[in-house]
Protein backbone atom coordinates (compact mmCIF):
# COMPACT_ATOMS: atom_id res chain seq x y z
CA MET A 1 0.00 0.00 0.00
CA ARG A 2 1.01 3.63 -0.39
CA VAL A 3 2.16 5.58 2.65
CA VAL A 4 3.80 8.90 3.46
CA LYS A 5 6.99 8.63 5.51
CA VAL A 6 8.93 11.15 7.54
CA THR A 7 12.55 10.72 6.50
CA GLY A 8 14.11 13.45 8.65
CA PHE A 9 13.10 16.15 11.11
CA GLY A 10 11.94 19.38 9.53
CA GLY A 11 9.15 21.00 7.54
CA PRO A 12 6.72 19.41 5.07
CA GLU A 13 9.59 18.71 2.68
CA VAL A 14 10.61 15.71 4.83
CA LEU A 15 7.32 13.95 3.95
CA ILE A 16 8.15 11.43 1.22
CA PRO A 17 5.76 9.00 -0.58
CA GLY A 18 6.61 5.34 -0.09
CA GLU A 19 5.19 1.86 0.23
CA ALA A 20 4.59 -0.52 3.12
CA PRO A 21 3.01 -3.96 3.58
CA ASN A 22 -0.75 -4.09 3.97
CA PRO A 23 -1.70 -4.28 7.67
CA VAL A 24 -3.75 -7.17 9.02
CA ALA A 25 -6.26 -6.80 11.84
CA GLY A 26 -5.31 -8.87 14.87
CA PRO A 27 -7.49 -9.95 17.80
CA GLY A 28 -9.62 -7.05 19.00
CA GLN A 29 -8.62 -4.91 16.01
CA VAL A 30 -10.09 -3.67 12.74
CA MET A 31 -8.50 -2.58 9.49
CA VAL A 32 -9.71 0.74 8.11
CA GLU A 33 -9.60 1.90 4.49
CA VAL A 34 -8.34 5.41 5.11
CA SER A 35 -10.18 8.28 3.45
CA VAL A 36 -8.89 11.08 5.69
CA ALA A 37 -5.71 11.26 7.76
CA GLY A 38 -5.73 13.83 10.53
CA ILE A 39 -2.82 15.98 11.66
CA THR A 40 -2.50 18.11 14.78
CA PHE A 41 -0.21 20.99 15.64
CA VAL A 42 1.60 18.79 18.16
CA GLU A 43 2.28 16.21 15.45
CA THR A 44 3.84 18.88 13.24
CA GLN A 45 6.11 19.81 16.14
CA ILE A 46 7.11 16.17 16.59
CA ARG A 47 7.88 15.97 12.88
CA ARG A 48 10.04 19.08 13.20
CA GLY A 49 11.85 17.52 16.15
CA VAL A 50 11.14 20.43 18.50
CA ASP A 51 8.41 19.00 20.77
CA LYS A 52 9.88 18.58 24.24
CA TRP A 53 7.00 16.47 25.59
CA HIS A 54 7.55 13.51 23.23
CA ALA A 55 10.59 11.43 22.42
CA ARG A 56 11.72 11.73 18.82
CA PRO A 57 10.37 8.83 16.75
CA ALA A 58 12.86 6.52 15.08
CA LEU A 59 13.31 7.43 11.41
CA PRO A 60 11.76 6.79 9.02
CA TYR A 61 8.23 6.64 10.37
CA VAL A 62 4.67 6.99 9.09
CA PRO A 63 3.00 9.91 10.91
CA GLY A 64 -0.65 10.34 11.79
CA GLY A 65 -2.48 9.26 14.93
CA THR A 66 -6.07 9.69 13.72
CA VAL A 67 -7.78 8.46 10.56
CA ALA A 68 -11.30 8.24 9.20
CA GLY A 69 -12.74 5.80 6.70
CA ARG A 70 -14.68 2.54 6.44
CA VAL A 71 -13.91 -0.64 8.32
CA ALA A 72 -12.70 -3.12 5.70
CA SER A 73 -12.06 -6.16 7.91
CA VAL A 74 -12.27 -7.20 11.54
CA GLY A 75 -10.00 -9.36 13.64
CA GLU A 76 -10.75 -12.22 15.98
CA GLY A 77 -13.25 -11.38 18.70
CA VAL A 78 -14.60 -8.25 16.98
CA ASP A 79 -18.31 -7.86 16.22
CA PRO A 80 -18.67 -8.32 12.44
CA GLY A 81 -21.26 -5.54 12.52
CA TRP A 82 -18.34 -3.08 12.42
CA SER A 83 -17.58 -4.10 8.84
CA GLY A 84 -18.45 -1.34 6.39
CA ARG A 85 -19.12 1.28 9.05
CA ARG A 86 -17.73 4.81 8.77
CA VAL A 87 -15.49 5.52 11.72
CA ILE A 88 -12.83 7.71 13.23
CA ALA A 89 -9.98 5.54 14.49
CA SER A 90 -6.97 6.20 16.68
CA THR A 91 -3.80 4.54 15.41
CA GLY A 92 -1.68 5.56 18.38
CA GLU A 93 1.19 7.93 17.66
CA SER A 94 1.87 6.87 14.07
CA GLY A 95 0.62 4.94 11.06
CA GLY A 96 -2.20 7.16 9.84
CA PHE A 97 -0.65 8.53 6.63
CA ALA A 98 -1.42 5.36 4.72
CA GLU A 99 -4.07 3.81 2.51
CA ARG A 100 -4.96 1.37 5.28
CA ALA A 101 -4.51 1.41 9.04
CA VAL A 102 -5.13 -0.93 11.96
CA ALA A 103 -6.82 0.23 15.17
CA ALA A 104 -8.24 -1.36 18.30
CA VAL A 105 -12.00 -1.66 18.23
CA ALA A 106 -12.06 0.21 21.55
CA ASP A 107 -10.52 3.21 19.74
CA LEU A 108 -13.28 3.53 17.12
CA ILE A 109 -15.88 6.30 17.02
CA PRO A 110 -18.78 5.81 14.60
CA VAL A 111 -19.34 8.76 12.25
CA PRO A 112 -23.05 9.53 11.81
CA GLU A 113 -24.55 9.86 8.35
CA GLY A 114 -24.66 13.45 7.19
CA LEU A 115 -21.28 14.30 8.72
CA GLY A 116 -18.33 14.24 6.34
CA LEU A 117 -15.26 12.26 7.30
CA ALA A 118 -12.98 15.27 6.89
CA GLU A 119 -15.24 17.36 9.15
CA ALA A 120 -15.38 14.53 11.72
CA VAL A 121 -11.58 14.34 11.91
CA ALA A 122 -11.29 18.13 12.14
CA LEU A 123 -13.73 18.20 15.06
CA HIS A 124 -12.25 15.23 16.89
CA THR A 125 -9.32 16.78 18.79
CA ASP A 126 -10.30 20.44 19.09
CA GLY A 127 -13.94 19.54 19.65
CA SER A 128 -13.21 17.35 22.66
CA THR A 129 -11.03 20.09 24.17
CA ALA A 130 -13.67 22.77 23.64
CA SER A 131 -16.45 20.56 25.01
CA GLY A 132 -14.41 19.82 28.12
CA LEU A 133 -13.79 23.51 28.78
CA VAL A 134 -17.46 24.40 28.34
CA GLU A 135 -18.60 21.58 30.61
CA GLY A 136 -16.08 22.59 33.26
CA ALA A 137 -17.11 26.24 33.01
CA ARG A 138 -20.81 25.55 33.59
CA ILE A 139 -21.73 28.49 31.37
CA ARG A 140 -25.18 29.86 32.11
CA PRO A 141 -27.59 31.75 29.82
CA GLY A 142 -26.97 35.49 29.78
CA GLU A 143 -23.39 35.30 31.05
CA TRP A 144 -20.52 37.01 29.26
CA VAL A 145 -17.63 34.83 28.14
CA LEU A 146 -14.19 35.91 26.96
CA VAL A 147 -12.62 33.55 24.41
CA GLU A 148 -8.94 34.08 23.76
CA ALA A 149 -7.40 32.94 20.46
CA ALA A 150 -10.98 32.97 19.18
CA GLY A 151 -9.98 32.53 15.54
CA GLY A 152 -8.32 29.15 16.15
CA GLY A 153 -9.74 25.65 16.13
CA VAL A 154 -10.62 25.43 19.83
CA GLY A 155 -11.58 29.11 20.11
CA SER A 156 -14.02 29.07 17.19
CA LEU A 157 -15.73 26.00 18.63
CA LEU A 158 -15.87 27.57 22.10
CA ILE A 159 -17.76 30.52 20.66
CA GLN A 160 -20.37 28.28 19.06
CA LEU A 161 -20.76 26.14 22.18
CA ALA A 162 -21.07 29.25 24.36
CA TRP A 163 -23.86 30.77 22.32
CA THR A 164 -25.60 27.40 22.23
CA ALA A 165 -25.57 27.62 26.03
CA GLY A 166 -27.17 31.09 25.78
CA ALA A 167 -24.10 33.14 26.65
CA ARG A 168 -22.82 36.34 25.09
CA GLY A 169 -19.18 36.90 24.49
CA VAL A 170 -16.07 38.71 23.43
CA GLY A 171 -13.62 37.02 21.12
CA ALA A 172 -9.96 38.08 21.11
CA ALA A 173 -7.94 37.36 17.97
CA ARG A 174 -5.11 38.77 15.89
CA GLY A 175 -5.68 40.16 12.40
CA ALA A 176 -8.70 41.30 10.40
CA ARG A 177 -9.35 37.89 8.85
CA LYS A 178 -9.67 36.14 12.20
CA LEU A 179 -11.77 38.95 13.68
CA ASP A 180 -14.16 38.74 10.72
CA LEU A 181 -14.42 34.98 11.28
CA VAL A 182 -15.29 35.48 14.94
CA ARG A 183 -17.98 38.05 14.13
CA GLY A 184 -19.70 35.56 11.84
CA LEU A 185 -19.96 32.74 14.40
CA GLY A 186 -23.03 32.14 16.51
CA ARG A 187 -26.66 33.12 16.34
CA ARG A 188 -25.86 36.67 17.47
CA PRO A 189 -22.87 38.88 16.65
CA TRP A 190 -19.92 38.56 19.02
CA SER A 191 -17.90 41.51 20.18
CA THR A 192 -14.28 41.32 19.08
CA THR A 193 -11.02 42.81 20.22
CA PRO A 194 -7.71 42.79 18.34
CA ILE A 195 -4.60 41.43 20.04
CA ARG A 196 -1.66 43.75 19.52
CA THR A 197 1.73 42.88 20.92
CA GLY A 198 5.21 43.88 19.91
CA ARG A 199 6.60 40.46 20.61
CA THR A 200 4.92 37.15 21.36
CA ARG A 201 6.47 33.98 22.74
CA TYR A 202 4.64 30.73 21.97
CA ALA A 203 4.73 27.69 24.21
CA ARG A 204 5.60 24.61 22.20
CA ARG A 205 2.93 22.35 23.62
CA PRO A 206 0.50 23.70 26.20
CA ALA A 207 -0.94 20.80 28.17
CA VAL A 208 -4.56 21.50 29.09
CA ARG A 209 -5.52 20.35 32.56
CA ALA A 210 -8.45 21.52 34.65
CA PRO A 211 -9.78 24.89 33.44
CA THR A 212 -9.13 27.81 35.78
CA TRP A 213 -11.88 30.41 35.82
CA CYS A 214 -10.86 34.02 36.43
CA SER A 215 -13.73 36.04 37.82
CA THR A 216 -14.45 39.40 36.22
CA GLY A 217 -17.20 40.35 38.63
CA SER A 218 -20.63 40.75 37.10
CA ALA A 219 -19.19 41.11 33.62
CA GLY A 220 -18.62 37.39 33.12
CA ARG A 221 -15.83 34.84 33.12
CA SER A 222 -12.67 33.92 31.27
CA ALA A 223 -11.31 30.41 30.81
CA VAL A 224 -7.54 30.05 31.08
CA PRO A 225 -6.15 26.54 30.50
CA ARG A 226 -3.16 25.95 32.76
CA SER A 227 0.01 24.69 31.08
CA ARG A 228 3.05 22.79 32.29
C-alpha cells in the first residue's frame, strides 16, 4: 500500500511517498480503508523535532495518529457488525498517513450519516477540548464569556458552544481575517477585540488540565487553560 513517511526532522519537505506492507487486523482490532488522515499541531512539532513532551520517533516513520474511513475487515473477537461502518480511528502515535490502518475496536468512534469524514476528523481533537472547557465552566444563559485565540480551532468552537448555552461573548484574535471569522460565528454577533503585541512567545505544547476560571465580577468569566 502507499504511505507517506517522515525521512528526517523538519518541515513538510521531509514527507516522502513510499510503500509498506498491507496491515492485518489482529485480535480485537479492525482494518480501516483510510479516506482522511488527521494531523494536529503537536504532530507537526514532533515531525520538526522540536516538541519537548515527546521522544523523537525513530526514522523513518509513518506519521498520523487519527484516521477516518470505512472498516474493511475485523479481527478475531470483533463484532462483524463493524464491517463497512464509517469511523474515526486512533492509530496511536503513528501509522495514519497510509491507505490502510489498523486500530483497536475500543478506539473507534462511529461517524453519523450526514457528517463528512474530513469534518469529523477536524472536530475530533479540538472539539473534545472545547467541550471539556465548556462543561467545566458551567456556562449559564446570559453570562458574558471571553474567548482568547478565538480565531483558532478550539476558540471558534468555544464561541459556538457558548452561544448554544445562551451566553454572550467577546472574542480576542489577531488580524482582520480572524476577527471577521469570529464576528460571523453564533446566532448573534460577538464583540471582538484585536490582540496587539510587539513580541509574542509561543509555548511549544501547552498541556490542558483543569480549566481555571478568572472572575471578572458581574461582567462574566474567562477560561484560562493551565500549562506545564
